[in-house]
Amino acid sequence: MADIPHITFVDEIKGQFKGIVRGTASIEIIEGWHGLVKDMLVEINQCPSADKNIEIVQIKQKFAELRVYTHKKVSSDIDDIMEKYKAKALYTCEFCGETGKEIPIGSWFCVACEECAAKNKPEFSSEYSD
């Protein structure tokens, strides 16, 4: 995916998916997950039970996991879609979108490929030597 400034990405997501993403929703992800989140929202939007049944209020990274918070409990088919993309995010570099793995950075965790781990936190690139 081409580099899209975060503000532009958030505006695009809120505009394109205004039926399922609350206008005041907080979207706190690094650009490597932009494509992943957009794909997830497309799939949710195409789900018949998405019609008036979901309102996403926050999308973020926490403990190297993609987290999607909704206003109320969602149907099992939408929950399955969110779980599928949560699983994909565990192996998708948050910085570039390539294949990565969970690495510790100080007291928090992220998913990064070897190149991005070295570029963003050189002291943690040894996590790939296991």
Protein backbone atom coordinates (compact mmCIF):
# COMPACT_ATOMS: atom_id res chain seq x y z
CA MET A 1 0.00 0.00 0.00
CA ALA A 2 1.29 3.45 -0.83
CA ASP A 3 2.32 5.60 2.09
CA ILE A 4 -0.75 7.53 3.23
CA PRO A 5 -0.37 10.06 6.02
CA HIS A 6 -2.23 8.83 9.10
CA ILE A 7 -4.70 11.74 9.22
CA THR A 8 -5.63 11.14 5.58
CA PHE A 9 -6.06 7.43 6.27
CA VAL A 10 -8.32 8.09 9.27
CA ASP A 11 -10.45 10.56 7.27
CA GLU A 12 -10.67 8.07 4.39
CA ILE A 13 -11.75 5.25 6.71
CA LYS A 14 -14.34 7.37 8.51
CA GLY A 15 -15.75 8.58 5.19
CA GLN A 16 -15.75 5.27 3.34
CA PHE A 17 -17.12 3.26 6.26
CA LYS A 18 -19.31 5.84 7.99
CA GLY A 19 -22.05 3.23 8.38
CA ILE A 20 -19.85 1.06 10.62
CA VAL A 21 -17.11 3.38 11.96
CA ARG A 22 -18.28 6.11 14.34
CA GLY A 23 -17.26 9.61 13.23
CA THR A 24 -15.54 10.17 16.58
CA ALA A 25 -13.79 6.77 16.48
CA SER A 26 -10.18 6.69 17.57
CA ILE A 27 -7.89 4.96 15.05
CA GLU A 28 -4.41 4.43 16.50
CA ILE A 29 -2.39 2.17 14.21
CA ILE A 30 0.87 2.55 12.32
CA GLU A 31 0.71 2.58 8.52
CA GLY A 32 1.82 -1.04 8.10
CA TRP A 33 -1.61 -2.10 9.32
CA HIS A 34 -3.58 0.40 7.21
CA GLY A 35 -4.22 -2.12 4.41
CA LEU A 36 -5.11 -4.85 6.89
CA VAL A 37 -7.65 -2.65 8.66
CA LYS A 38 -9.14 -1.41 5.40
CA ASP A 39 -9.53 -5.02 4.16
CA MET A 40 -11.21 -5.94 7.44
CA LEU A 41 -13.65 -3.04 7.17
CA VAL A 42 -14.48 -3.91 3.56
CA GLU A 43 -15.26 -7.48 4.63
CA ILE A 44 -17.35 -6.32 7.60
CA ASN A 45 -19.19 -3.84 5.40
CA GLN A 46 -20.09 -6.64 2.96
CA CYS A 47 -21.41 -8.83 5.75
CA PRO A 48 -25.25 -8.85 5.77
CA SER A 49 -25.40 -8.46 9.56
CA ALA A 50 -23.25 -5.29 9.38
CA ASP A 51 -26.36 -3.33 8.44
CA LYS A 52 -27.10 -1.23 11.52
CA ASN A 53 -25.56 -3.90 13.74
CA ILE A 54 -22.06 -2.54 14.31
CA GLU A 55 -20.50 0.73 15.38
CA ILE A 56 -16.73 0.68 15.71
CA VAL A 57 -15.52 3.20 18.29
CA GLN A 58 -11.78 2.40 18.40
CA ILE A 59 -9.14 0.57 16.37
CA LYS A 60 -5.68 0.31 17.88
CA GLN A 61 -2.61 -1.77 18.62
CA LYS A 62 -2.23 -3.07 22.14
CA PHE A 63 0.32 -5.66 23.26
CA ALA A 64 1.20 -6.31 19.57
CA GLU A 65 -2.42 -7.17 18.79
CA LEU A 66 -4.98 -5.47 16.60
CA ARG A 67 -7.85 -4.37 18.84
CA VAL A 68 -11.25 -3.36 17.51
CA TYR A 69 -13.73 -1.99 20.03
CA THR A 70 -17.42 -1.65 19.25
CA HIS A 71 -20.31 0.19 20.86
CA LYS A 72 -22.18 -3.05 21.54
CA LYS A 73 -21.81 -6.79 21.12
CA VAL A 74 -21.53 -7.82 17.48
CA SER A 75 -22.91 -10.84 15.65
CA SER A 76 -20.78 -13.98 15.48
CA ASP A 77 -20.04 -13.54 11.76
CA ILE A 78 -18.66 -10.03 12.33
CA ASP A 79 -16.75 -11.25 15.38
CA ASP A 80 -15.25 -14.02 13.20
CA ILE A 81 -14.08 -11.41 10.66
CA MET A 82 -12.47 -9.29 13.37
CA GLU A 83 -10.76 -12.35 14.86
CA LYS A 84 -9.42 -13.34 11.43
CA TYR A 85 -7.77 -9.94 10.98
CA LYS A 86 -6.54 -9.92 14.57
CA ALA A 87 -4.75 -13.20 13.77
CA LYS A 88 -3.32 -11.76 10.51
CA ALA A 89 -2.00 -8.73 12.40
CA LEU A 90 0.09 -11.00 14.65
CA TYR A 91 2.28 -11.69 11.59
CA THR A 92 2.06 -8.34 9.81
CA CYS A 93 4.71 -5.68 10.40
CA GLU A 94 3.08 -2.59 11.85
CA PHE A 95 5.60 -0.36 10.08
CA CYS A 96 5.60 -1.67 6.49
CA GLY A 97 2.94 -4.38 6.19
CA GLU A 98 5.36 -7.20 5.35
CA THR A 99 5.57 -10.45 7.31
CA GLY A 100 6.79 -9.84 10.85
CA LYS A 101 6.69 -11.22 14.35
CA GLU A 102 6.09 -9.95 17.86
CA ILE A 103 9.11 -8.32 19.46
CA PRO A 104 9.55 -6.52 22.78
CA ILE A 105 10.50 -2.86 22.74
CA GLY A 106 11.17 -1.76 26.27
CA SER A 107 8.03 -2.43 28.27
CA TRP A 108 5.74 -2.82 25.24
CA PHE A 109 5.44 -5.12 22.24
CA CYS A 110 4.99 -4.61 18.53
CA VAL A 111 4.94 -6.70 15.36
CA ALA A 112 7.84 -5.93 13.06
CA CYS A 113 9.78 -7.47 10.22
CA GLU A 114 13.52 -7.80 10.66
CA GLU A 115 14.29 -4.72 8.56
CA CYS A 116 11.83 -2.46 10.38
CA ALA A 117 12.92 -3.79 13.76
CA ALA A 118 16.51 -2.85 12.90
CA LYS A 119 15.53 0.52 11.42
CA ASN A 120 13.17 1.59 14.21
CA LYS A 121 14.89 0.05 17.22
CA PRO A 122 18.37 -1.25 16.36
CA GLU A 123 18.91 -2.68 19.83
CA PHE A 124 15.98 -5.05 19.32
CA SER A 125 16.98 -6.48 15.93
CA SER A 126 18.64 -9.38 17.82
CA GLU A 127 15.11 -10.69 18.51
CA TYR A 128 15.34 -12.19 15.01
CA SER A 129 18.38 -14.30 15.82
CA ASP A 130 16.47 -17.00 17.72
